[in-house]
PDB file of all heavy atoms in Angstrom:
ATOM      1  N   PRO A   1      68.760  65.871 -25.734  1.00  0.00           N
ATOM      2  CA  PRO A   1      70.041  65.071 -25.684  1.00  0.00           C
ATOM      3  C   PRO A   1      70.805  65.119 -26.993  1.00  0.00           C
ATOM      4  O   PRO A   1      70.205  65.402 -28.037  1.00  0.00           O
ATOM      5  CB  PRO A   1      69.613  63.578 -25.452  1.00  0.00           C
ATOM      6  CG  PRO A   1      68.193  63.745 -24.820  1.00  0.00           C
ATOM      7  CD  PRO A   1      67.560  64.932 -25.473  1.00  0.00           C
ATOM      8  N   PHE A   2      72.065  65.028 -26.876  1.00  0.00           N
ATOM      9  CA  PHE A   2      72.978  65.153 -27.943  1.00  0.00           C
ATOM     10  C   PHE A   2      72.542  64.200 -29.139  1.00  0.00           C
ATOM     11  O   PHE A   2      72.887  64.357 -30.310  1.00  0.00           O
ATOM     12  CB  PHE A   2      74.457  64.828 -27.590  1.00  0.00           C
ATOM     13  CG  PHE A   2      75.529  65.144 -28.551  1.00  0.00           C
ATOM     14  CD1 PHE A   2      75.448  66.280 -29.398  1.00  0.00           C
ATOM     15  CD2 PHE A   2      76.611  64.292 -28.633  1.00  0.00           C
ATOM     16  CE1 PHE A   2      76.531  66.385 -30.302  1.00  0.00           C
ATOM     17  CE2 PHE A   2      77.604  64.564 -29.658  1.00  0.00           C
ATOM     18  CZ  PHE A   2      77.470  65.648 -30.450  1.00  0.00           C
ATOM     19  N   ALA A   3      71.903  63.120 -28.693  1.00  0.00           N
ATOM     20  CA  ALA A   3      71.333  62.119 -29.756  1.00  0.00           C
ATOM     21  C   ALA A   3      70.439  62.859 -30.741  1.00  0.00           C
ATOM     22  O   ALA A   3      70.338  62.448 -31.878  1.00  0.00           O
ATOM     23  CB  ALA A   3      70.688  60.977 -29.087  1.00  0.00           C
ATOM     24  N   GLN A   4      69.799  63.914 -30.355  1.00  0.00           N
ATOM     25  CA  GLN A   4      68.831  64.642 -31.220  1.00  0.00           C
ATOM     26  C   GLN A   4      69.719  65.255 -32.332  1.00  0.00           C
ATOM     27  O   GLN A   4      69.367  65.139 -33.471  1.00  0.00           O
ATOM     28  CB  GLN A   4      68.164  65.729 -30.421  1.00  0.00           C
ATOM     29  CG  GLN A   4      67.155  65.226 -29.428  1.00  0.00           C
ATOM     30  CD  GLN A   4      65.740  64.879 -30.303  1.00  0.00           C
ATOM     31  OE1 GLN A   4      65.588  65.167 -31.403  1.00  0.00           O
ATOM     32  NE2 GLN A   4      64.840  64.380 -29.411  1.00  0.00           N
ATOM     33  N   ALA A   5      70.757  65.944 -32.064  1.00  0.00           N
ATOM     34  CA  ALA A   5      71.578  66.573 -33.045  1.00  0.00           C
ATOM     35  C   ALA A   5      72.266  65.479 -33.995  1.00  0.00           C
ATOM     36  O   ALA A   5      72.292  65.732 -35.138  1.00  0.00           O
ATOM     37  CB  ALA A   5      72.711  67.473 -32.378  1.00  0.00           C
ATOM     38  N   LYS A   6      72.760  64.456 -33.381  1.00  0.00           N
ATOM     39  CA  LYS A   6      73.382  63.409 -34.198  1.00  0.00           C
ATOM     40  C   LYS A   6      72.342  62.840 -35.175  1.00  0.00           C
ATOM     41  O   LYS A   6      72.796  62.397 -36.125  1.00  0.00           O
ATOM     42  CB  LYS A   6      74.101  62.348 -33.267  1.00  0.00           C
ATOM     43  CG  LYS A   6      75.240  62.932 -32.428  1.00  0.00           C
ATOM     44  CD  LYS A   6      76.052  61.788 -31.812  1.00  0.00           C
ATOM     45  CE  LYS A   6      75.274  61.278 -30.601  1.00  0.00           C
ATOM     46  NZ  LYS A   6      76.158  60.248 -29.826  1.00  0.00           N
ATOM     47  N   ALA A   7      71.132  62.707 -34.628  1.00  0.00           N
ATOM     48  CA  ALA A   7      70.122  61.972 -35.514  1.00  0.00           C
ATOM     49  C   ALA A   7      69.807  62.926 -36.729  1.00  0.00           C
ATOM     50  O   ALA A   7      69.696  62.549 -37.894  1.00  0.00           O
ATOM     51  CB  ALA A   7      68.907  61.793 -34.767  1.00  0.00           C
ATOM     52  N   MET A   8      69.803  64.266 -36.472  1.00  0.00           N
ATOM     53  CA  MET A   8      69.590  65.290 -37.507  1.00  0.00           C
ATOM     54  C   MET A   8      70.740  65.243 -38.420  1.00  0.00           C
ATOM     55  O   MET A   8      70.516  65.262 -39.725  1.00  0.00           O
ATOM     56  CB  MET A   8      69.379  66.642 -36.917  1.00  0.00           C
ATOM     57  CG  MET A   8      68.802  67.727 -37.830  1.00  0.00           C
ATOM     58  SD  MET A   8      67.081  67.426 -38.435  1.00  0.00           S
ATOM     59  CE  MET A   8      67.346  67.283 -40.222  1.00  0.00           C
ATOM     60  N   ARG A   9      71.938  65.169 -37.896  1.00  0.00           N
ATOM     61  CA  ARG A   9      73.165  65.230 -38.756  1.00  0.00           C
ATOM     62  C   ARG A   9      73.124  63.914 -39.682  1.00  0.00           C
ATOM     63  O   ARG A   9      73.412  63.995 -40.878  1.00  0.00           O
ATOM     64  CB  ARG A   9      74.474  65.157 -37.933  1.00  0.00           C
ATOM     65  CG  ARG A   9      75.731  65.069 -38.753  1.00  0.00           C
ATOM     66  CD  ARG A   9      76.894  65.180 -37.875  1.00  0.00           C
ATOM     67  NE  ARG A   9      77.007  64.118 -36.893  1.00  0.00           N
ATOM     68  CZ  ARG A   9      78.024  63.964 -35.976  1.00  0.00           C
ATOM     69  NH1 ARG A   9      79.067  64.950 -35.997  1.00  0.00           N
ATOM     70  NH2 ARG A   9      78.060  63.026 -35.109  1.00  0.00           N
ATOM     71  N   ALA A  10      72.706  62.780 -39.095  1.00  0.00           N
ATOM     72  CA  ALA A  10      72.662  61.496 -39.931  1.00  0.00           C
ATOM     73  C   ALA A  10      71.624  61.600 -40.996  1.00  0.00           C
ATOM     74  O   ALA A  10      71.898  61.143 -42.093  1.00  0.00           O
ATOM     75  CB  ALA A  10      72.408  60.343 -39.020  1.00  0.00           C
ATOM     76  N   ALA A  11      70.479  62.241 -40.653  1.00  0.00           N
ATOM     77  CA  ALA A  11      69.494  62.487 -41.677  1.00  0.00           C
ATOM     78  C   ALA A  11      69.873  63.356 -42.845  1.00  0.00           C
ATOM     79  O   ALA A  11      69.602  63.063 -43.979  1.00  0.00           O
ATOM     80  CB  ALA A  11      68.177  62.980 -40.988  1.00  0.00           C
ATOM     81  N   LEU A  12      70.599  64.371 -42.472  1.00  0.00           N
ATOM     82  CA  LEU A  12      71.106  65.319 -43.490  1.00  0.00           C
ATOM     83  C   LEU A  12      72.184  64.508 -44.300  1.00  0.00           C
ATOM     84  O   LEU A  12      72.201  64.732 -45.610  1.00  0.00           O
ATOM     85  CB  LEU A  12      71.717  66.541 -42.893  1.00  0.00           C
ATOM     86  CG  LEU A  12      70.713  67.555 -42.204  1.00  0.00           C
ATOM     87  CD1 LEU A  12      71.441  68.594 -41.403  1.00  0.00           C
ATOM     88  CD2 LEU A  12      69.793  68.179 -43.209  1.00  0.00           C
ATOM     89  N   ASP A  13      73.035  63.786 -43.732  1.00  0.00           N
ATOM     90  CA  ASP A  13      73.995  62.978 -44.448  1.00  0.00           C
ATOM     91  C   ASP A  13      73.342  62.077 -45.428  1.00  0.00           C
ATOM     92  O   ASP A  13      73.711  61.985 -46.611  1.00  0.00           O
ATOM     93  CB  ASP A  13      74.934  62.214 -43.477  1.00  0.00           C
ATOM     94  CG  ASP A  13      75.925  63.028 -42.885  1.00  0.00           C
ATOM     95  OD1 ASP A  13      76.357  64.090 -43.477  1.00  0.00           O
ATOM     96  OD2 ASP A  13      76.491  62.762 -41.744  1.00  0.00           O
ATOM     97  N   ALA A  14      72.346  61.350 -44.970  1.00  0.00           N
ATOM     98  CA  ALA A  14      71.544  60.371 -45.837  1.00  0.00           C
ATOM     99  C   ALA A  14      70.887  61.075 -46.917  1.00  0.00           C
ATOM    100  O   ALA A  14      70.751  60.431 -48.015  1.00  0.00           O
ATOM    101  CB  ALA A  14      70.590  59.512 -44.908  1.00  0.00           C
ATOM    102  N   ALA A  15      70.409  62.300 -46.858  1.00  0.00           N
ATOM    103  CA  ALA A  15      69.778  63.067 -47.830  1.00  0.00           C
ATOM    104  C   ALA A  15      70.766  63.779 -48.641  1.00  0.00           C
ATOM    105  O   ALA A  15      70.239  64.507 -49.583  1.00  0.00           O
ATOM    106  CB  ALA A  15      68.735  63.967 -47.226  1.00  0.00           C
ATOM    107  N   HIS A  16      72.083  63.673 -48.371  1.00  0.00           N
ATOM    108  CA  HIS A  16      73.062  64.395 -49.118  1.00  0.00           C
ATOM    109  C   HIS A  16      72.898  65.933 -49.123  1.00  0.00           C
ATOM    110  O   HIS A  16      73.101  66.598 -50.092  1.00  0.00           O
ATOM    111  CB  HIS A  16      73.129  63.848 -50.604  1.00  0.00           C
ATOM    112  CG  HIS A  16      73.383  62.503 -50.714  1.00  0.00           C
ATOM    113  ND1 HIS A  16      74.486  61.772 -50.296  1.00  0.00           N
ATOM    114  CD2 HIS A  16      72.509  61.488 -51.135  1.00  0.00           C
ATOM    115  CE1 HIS A  16      74.376  60.531 -50.528  1.00  0.00           C
ATOM    116  NE2 HIS A  16      73.098  60.285 -51.047  1.00  0.00           N
ATOM    117  N   LYS A  17      72.574  66.452 -47.880  1.00  0.00           N
ATOM    118  CA  LYS A  17      72.411  67.817 -47.733  1.00  0.00           C
ATOM    119  C   LYS A  17      73.528  68.354 -47.045  1.00  0.00           C
ATOM    120  O   LYS A  17      74.023  67.882 -45.958  1.00  0.00           O
ATOM    121  CB  LYS A  17      71.148  68.111 -46.895  1.00  0.00           C
ATOM    122  CG  LYS A  17      69.848  67.529 -47.508  1.00  0.00           C
ATOM    123  CD  LYS A  17      69.391  68.255 -48.761  1.00  0.00           C
ATOM    124  CE  LYS A  17      68.124  67.701 -49.391  1.00  0.00           C
ATOM    125  NZ  LYS A  17      67.735  68.474 -50.555  1.00  0.00           N
ATOM    126  N   PRO A  18      74.064  69.617 -47.433  1.00  0.00           N
ATOM    127  CA  PRO A  18      75.237  70.187 -46.772  1.00  0.00           C
ATOM    128  C   PRO A  18      74.784  70.836 -45.404  1.00  0.00           C
ATOM    129  O   PRO A  18      73.719  71.285 -45.202  1.00  0.00           O
ATOM    130  CB  PRO A  18      75.684  71.163 -47.740  1.00  0.00           C
ATOM    131  CG  PRO A  18      74.423  71.613 -48.521  1.00  0.00           C
ATOM    132  CD  PRO A  18      73.600  70.281 -48.576  1.00  0.00           C
ATOM    133  N   TYR A  19      75.732  70.836 -44.572  1.00  0.00           N
ATOM    134  CA  TYR A  19      75.411  71.502 -43.211  1.00  0.00           C
ATOM    135  C   TYR A  19      76.782  71.858 -42.506  1.00  0.00           C
ATOM    136  O   TYR A  19      77.846  71.418 -42.966  1.00  0.00           O
ATOM    137  CB  TYR A  19      74.739  70.609 -42.310  1.00  0.00           C
ATOM    138  CG  TYR A  19      75.352  69.313 -42.024  1.00  0.00           C
ATOM    139  CD1 TYR A  19      76.317  69.189 -40.914  1.00  0.00           C
ATOM    140  CD2 TYR A  19      75.108  68.168 -42.735  1.00  0.00           C
ATOM    141  CE1 TYR A  19      76.943  68.004 -40.685  1.00  0.00           C
ATOM    142  CE2 TYR A  19      75.843  66.962 -42.508  1.00  0.00           C
ATOM    143  CZ  TYR A  19      76.682  66.918 -41.443  1.00  0.00           C
ATOM    144  OH  TYR A  19      77.333  65.720 -41.248  1.00  0.00           O
ATOM    145  N   GLU A  20      76.724  72.720 -41.557  1.00  0.00           N
ATOM    146  CA  GLU A  20      77.863  73.133 -40.725  1.00  0.00           C
ATOM    147  C   GLU A  20      77.539  72.642 -39.359  1.00  0.00           C
ATOM    148  O   GLU A  20      76.312  72.422 -38.941  1.00  0.00           O
ATOM    149  CB  GLU A  20      78.132  74.554 -40.736  1.00  0.00           C
ATOM    150  CG  GLU A  20      78.541  75.158 -42.107  1.00  0.00           C
ATOM    151  CD  GLU A  20      78.904  76.688 -42.077  1.00  0.00           C
ATOM    152  OE1 GLU A  20      79.333  77.125 -40.993  1.00  0.00           O
ATOM    153  OE2 GLU A  20      78.818  77.224 -43.144  1.00  0.00           O
ATOM    154  N   TRP A  21      78.522  72.396 -38.541  1.00  0.00           N
ATOM    155  CA  TRP A  21      78.379  71.674 -37.221  1.00  0.00           C
ATOM    156  C   TRP A  21      79.204  72.262 -36.223  1.00  0.00           C
ATOM    157  O   TRP A  21      80.376  72.650 -36.426  1.00  0.00           O
ATOM    158  CB  TRP A  21      78.831  70.168 -37.586  1.00  0.00           C
ATOM    159  CG  TRP A  21      78.747  69.318 -36.305  1.00  0.00           C
ATOM    160  CD1 TRP A  21      79.820  68.975 -35.456  1.00  0.00           C
ATOM    161  CD2 TRP A  21      77.606  68.630 -35.762  1.00  0.00           C
ATOM    162  NE1 TRP A  21      79.349  68.133 -34.511  1.00  0.00           N
ATOM    163  CE2 TRP A  21      78.043  67.907 -34.631  1.00  0.00           C
ATOM    164  CE3 TRP A  21      76.262  68.507 -36.174  1.00  0.00           C
ATOM    165  CZ2 TRP A  21      77.164  67.017 -33.837  1.00  0.00           C
ATOM    166  CZ3 TRP A  21      75.375  67.662 -35.376  1.00  0.00           C
ATOM    167  CH2 TRP A  21      75.939  67.110 -34.288  1.00  0.00           C
ATOM    168  N   MET A  22      78.650  72.327 -35.048  1.00  0.00           N
ATOM    169  CA  MET A  22      79.438  72.819 -33.814  1.00  0.00           C
ATOM    170  C   MET A  22      78.855  72.094 -32.570  1.00  0.00           C
ATOM    171  O   MET A  22      77.693  72.276 -32.248  1.00  0.00           O
ATOM    172  CB  MET A  22      79.294  74.373 -33.621  1.00  0.00           C
ATOM    173  CG  MET A  22      80.077  74.810 -32.375  1.00  0.00           C
ATOM    174  SD  MET A  22      79.780  76.617 -32.150  1.00  0.00           S
ATOM    175  CE  MET A  22      80.764  76.894 -30.663  1.00  0.00           C
ATOM    176  N   SER A  23      79.696  71.294 -31.954  1.00  0.00           N
ATOM    177  CA  SER A  23      79.356  70.671 -30.677  1.00  0.00           C
ATOM    178  C   SER A  23      80.389  70.877 -29.681  1.00  0.00           C
ATOM    179  O   SER A  23      81.545  70.933 -29.984  1.00  0.00           O
ATOM    180  CB  SER A  23      78.941  69.190 -30.897  1.00  0.00           C
ATOM    181  OG  SER A  23      80.200  68.516 -31.103  1.00  0.00           O
ATOM    182  N   LYS A  24      80.023  70.902 -28.377  1.00  0.00           N
ATOM    183  CA  LYS A  24      80.986  71.142 -27.311  1.00  0.00           C
ATOM    184  C   LYS A  24      80.789  70.177 -26.224  1.00  0.00           C
ATOM    185  O   LYS A  24      79.585  70.112 -25.580  1.00  0.00           O
ATOM    186  CB  LYS A  24      80.834  72.592 -26.831  1.00  0.00           C
ATOM    187  CG  LYS A  24      81.302  73.649 -27.772  1.00  0.00           C
ATOM    188  CD  LYS A  24      82.758  73.632 -28.161  1.00  0.00           C
ATOM    189  CE  LYS A  24      83.301  74.544 -29.183  1.00  0.00           C
ATOM    190  NZ  LYS A  24      84.661  74.562 -29.445  1.00  0.00           N
ATOM    191  N   PRO A  25      81.780  69.366 -25.763  1.00  0.00           N
ATOM    192  CA  PRO A  25      81.737  68.669 -24.554  1.00  0.00           C
ATOM    193  C   PRO A  25      81.466  69.498 -23.284  1.00  0.00           C
ATOM    194  O   PRO A  25      81.997  70.659 -23.277  1.00  0.00           O
ATOM    195  CB  PRO A  25      82.913  67.846 -24.548  1.00  0.00           C
ATOM    196  CG  PRO A  25      83.912  68.720 -25.255  1.00  0.00           C
ATOM    197  CD  PRO A  25      83.164  69.389 -26.322  1.00  0.00           C
ATOM    198  N   GLY A  26      80.848  68.914 -22.350  1.00  0.00           N
ATOM    199  CA  GLY A  26      80.680  69.640 -21.068  1.00  0.00           C
ATOM    200  C   GLY A  26      79.537  70.683 -21.051  1.00  0.00           C
ATOM    201  O   GLY A  26      79.176  71.258 -19.984  1.00  0.00           O
ATOM    202  N   GLU A  27      78.869  70.835 -22.302  1.00  0.00           N
ATOM    203  CA  GLU A  27      77.853  71.942 -22.300  1.00  0.00           C
ATOM    204  C   GLU A  27      76.501  71.216 -22.251  1.00  0.00           C
ATOM    205  O   GLU A  27      76.354  70.153 -22.916  1.00  0.00           O
ATOM    206  CB  GLU A  27      77.955  72.754 -23.557  1.00  0.00           C
ATOM    207  CG  GLU A  27      79.233  73.562 -23.598  1.00  0.00           C
ATOM    208  CD  GLU A  27      79.065  74.867 -22.676  1.00  0.00           C
ATOM    209  OE1 GLU A  27      78.128  74.863 -21.825  1.00  0.00           O
ATOM    210  OE2 GLU A  27      79.902  75.860 -22.902  1.00  0.00           O
ATOM    211  N   GLY A  28      75.514  71.735 -21.632  1.00  0.00           N
ATOM    212  CA  GLY A  28      74.198  71.315 -21.501  1.00  0.00           C
ATOM    213  C   GLY A  28      73.201  71.891 -22.520  1.00  0.00           C
ATOM    214  O   GLY A  28      73.536  72.103 -23.693  1.00  0.00           O
ATOM    215  N   HIS A  29      71.973  72.144 -22.008  1.00  0.00           N
ATOM    216  CA  HIS A  29      70.934  72.812 -22.819  1.00  0.00           C
ATOM    217  C   HIS A  29      71.255  74.302 -22.982  1.00  0.00           C
ATOM    218  O   HIS A  29      70.582  75.058 -22.408  1.00  0.00           O
ATOM    219  CB  HIS A  29      69.611  72.462 -22.157  1.00  0.00           C
ATOM    220  CG  HIS A  29      68.331  72.676 -23.189  1.00  0.00           C
ATOM    221  ND1 HIS A  29      68.393  72.104 -24.415  1.00  0.00           N
ATOM    222  CD2 HIS A  29      67.296  73.379 -23.087  1.00  0.00           C
ATOM    223  CE1 HIS A  29      67.333  72.370 -25.036  1.00  0.00           C
ATOM    224  NE2 HIS A  29      66.554  73.167 -24.237  1.00  0.00           N
ATOM    225  N   GLY A  30      72.143  74.615 -23.778  1.00  0.00           N
ATOM    226  CA  GLY A  30      72.638  76.019 -24.029  1.00  0.00           C
ATOM    227  C   GLY A  30      74.032  76.026 -23.430  1.00  0.00           C
ATOM    228  O   GLY A  30      74.285  75.509 -22.367  1.00  0.00           O
ATOM    229  N   PHE A  31      74.957  76.807 -24.014  1.00  0.00           N
ATOM    230  CA  PHE A  31      76.270  76.921 -23.624  1.00  0.00           C
ATOM    231  C   PHE A  31      76.501  77.864 -22.391  1.00  0.00           C
ATOM    232  O   PHE A  31      75.800  78.943 -22.402  1.00  0.00           O
ATOM    233  CB  PHE A  31      77.288  77.428 -24.789  1.00  0.00           C
ATOM    234  CG  PHE A  31      77.333  76.445 -25.906  1.00  0.00           C
ATOM    235  CD1 PHE A  31      77.979  76.912 -27.089  1.00  0.00           C
ATOM    236  CD2 PHE A  31      76.763  75.247 -25.925  1.00  0.00           C
ATOM    237  CE1 PHE A  31      78.169  75.922 -28.062  1.00  0.00           C
ATOM    238  CE2 PHE A  31      76.868  74.296 -26.907  1.00  0.00           C
ATOM    239  CZ  PHE A  31      77.608  74.756 -28.097  1.00  0.00           C
ATOM    240  N   TYR A  32      77.293  77.438 -21.416  1.00  0.00           N
ATOM    241  CA  TYR A  32      77.653  78.373 -20.309  1.00  0.00           C
ATOM    242  C   TYR A  32      78.986  79.044 -20.485  1.00  0.00           C
ATOM    243  O   TYR A  32      79.154  80.224 -20.199  1.00  0.00           O
ATOM    244  CB  TYR A  32      77.685  77.588 -18.992  1.00  0.00           C
ATOM    245  CG  TYR A  32      76.368  77.524 -18.267  1.00  0.00           C
ATOM    246  CD1 TYR A  32      75.743  76.346 -18.032  1.00  0.00           C
ATOM    247  CD2 TYR A  32      75.677  78.727 -17.783  1.00  0.00           C
ATOM    248  CE1 TYR A  32      74.539  76.226 -17.403  1.00  0.00           C
ATOM    249  CE2 TYR A  32      74.606  78.621 -17.041  1.00  0.00           C
ATOM    250  CZ  TYR A  32      73.950  77.402 -16.838  1.00  0.00           C
ATOM    251  OH  TYR A  32      72.738  77.325 -16.262  1.00  0.00           O
ATOM    252  N   SER A  33      79.970  78.302 -21.137  1.00  0.00           N
ATOM    253  CA  SER A  33      81.246  78.817 -21.184  1.00  0.00           C
ATOM    254  C   SER A  33      81.353  80.089 -22.134  1.00  0.00           C
ATOM    255  O   SER A  33      80.776  80.128 -23.220  1.00  0.00           O
ATOM    256  CB  SER A  33      82.182  77.670 -21.813  1.00  0.00           C
ATOM    257  OG  SER A  33      83.336  78.262 -22.456  1.00  0.00           O
ATOM    258  N   GLU A  34      81.884  81.047 -21.570  1.00  0.00           N
ATOM    259  CA  GLU A  34      82.013  82.345 -22.373  1.00  0.00           C
ATOM    260  C   GLU A  34      82.838  82.056 -23.587  1.00  0.00           C
ATOM    261  O   GLU A  34      82.538  82.635 -24.651  1.00  0.00           O
ATOM    262  CB  GLU A  34      82.676  83.520 -21.519  1.00  0.00           C
ATOM    263  CG  GLU A  34      81.790  83.978 -20.417  1.00  0.00           C
ATOM    264  CD  GLU A  34      82.269  85.240 -19.730  1.00  0.00           C
ATOM    265  OE1 GLU A  34      83.310  85.769 -20.166  1.00  0.00           O
ATOM    266  OE2 GLU A  34      81.746  85.533 -18.634  1.00  0.00           O
ATOM    267  N   GLU A  35      83.888  81.368 -23.517  1.00  0.00           N
ATOM    268  CA  GLU A  35      84.731  80.914 -24.628  1.00  0.00           C
ATOM    269  C   GLU A  35      83.868  80.365 -25.787  1.00  0.00           C
ATOM    270  O   GLU A  35      83.984  80.612 -26.893  1.00  0.00           O
ATOM    271  CB  GLU A  35      85.895  80.087 -24.281  1.00  0.00           C
ATOM    272  CG  GLU A  35      86.710  79.694 -25.476  1.00  0.00           C
ATOM    273  CD  GLU A  35      87.950  78.834 -24.910  1.00  0.00           C
ATOM    274  OE1 GLU A  35      88.054  78.578 -23.763  1.00  0.00           O
ATOM    275  OE2 GLU A  35      88.645  78.293 -25.832  1.00  0.00           O
ATOM    276  N   ASN A  36      83.078  79.371 -25.371  1.00  0.00           N
ATOM    277  CA  ASN A  36      82.212  78.604 -26.314  1.00  0.00           C
ATOM    278  C   ASN A  36      81.148  79.559 -26.925  1.00  0.00           C
ATOM    279  O   ASN A  36      80.720  79.396 -28.149  1.00  0.00           O
ATOM    280  CB  ASN A  36      81.527  77.403 -25.714  1.00  0.00           C
ATOM    281  CG  ASN A  36      82.639  76.297 -25.438  1.00  0.00           C
ATOM    282  OD1 ASN A  36      83.608  76.197 -25.910  1.00  0.00           O
ATOM    283  ND2 ASN A  36      82.280  75.442 -24.493  1.00  0.00           N
ATOM    284  N   ASN A  37      80.600  80.431 -26.073  1.00  0.00           N
ATOM    285  CA  ASN A  37      79.597  81.249 -26.631  1.00  0.00           C
ATOM    286  C   ASN A  37      80.159  82.360 -27.602  1.00  0.00           C
ATOM    287  O   ASN A  37      79.475  82.764 -28.541  1.00  0.00           O
ATOM    288  CB  ASN A  37      78.792  81.999 -25.447  1.00  0.00           C
ATOM    289  CG  ASN A  37      77.730  81.163 -24.960  1.00  0.00           C
ATOM    290  OD1 ASN A  37      76.971  80.514 -25.697  1.00  0.00           O
ATOM    291  ND2 ASN A  37      77.619  81.038 -23.567  1.00  0.00           N
ATOM    292  N   ILE A  38      81.316  82.862 -27.367  1.00  0.00           N
ATOM    293  CA  ILE A  38      82.016  83.725 -28.200  1.00  0.00           C
ATOM    294  C   ILE A  38      82.240  83.015 -29.669  1.00  0.00           C
ATOM    295  O   ILE A  38      81.943  83.605 -30.712  1.00  0.00           O
ATOM    296  CB  ILE A  38      83.450  84.183 -27.702  1.00  0.00           C
ATOM    297  CG1 ILE A  38      83.192  85.121 -26.488  1.00  0.00           C
ATOM    298  CG2 ILE A  38      84.213  84.829 -28.801  1.00  0.00           C
ATOM    299  CD1 ILE A  38      84.471  85.350 -25.740  1.00  0.00           C
ATOM    300  N   GLU A  39      82.591  81.763 -29.558  1.00  0.00           N
ATOM    301  CA  GLU A  39      82.819  80.986 -30.804  1.00  0.00           C
ATOM    302  C   GLU A  39      81.476  80.779 -31.490  1.00  0.00           C
ATOM    303  O   GLU A  39      81.388  80.994 -32.760  1.00  0.00           O
ATOM    304  CB  GLU A  39      83.464  79.690 -30.575  1.00  0.00           C
ATOM    305  CG  GLU A  39      83.696  78.814 -31.766  1.00  0.00           C
ATOM    306  CD  GLU A  39      84.243  77.361 -31.474  1.00  0.00           C
ATOM    307  OE1 GLU A  39      84.728  77.172 -30.302  1.00  0.00           O
ATOM    308  OE2 GLU A  39      84.288  76.530 -32.365  1.00  0.00           O
TER     309      GLU A  39
END
């Protein structure tokens, strides 16, 4: 679940660790949209 990624992001924020982020609405366990996969 998306909650997994949000929990990891919150943990990195709390530890003051830099990160990059990409999330997409409508996508499940791996992206289907060709546009999203290109990105």
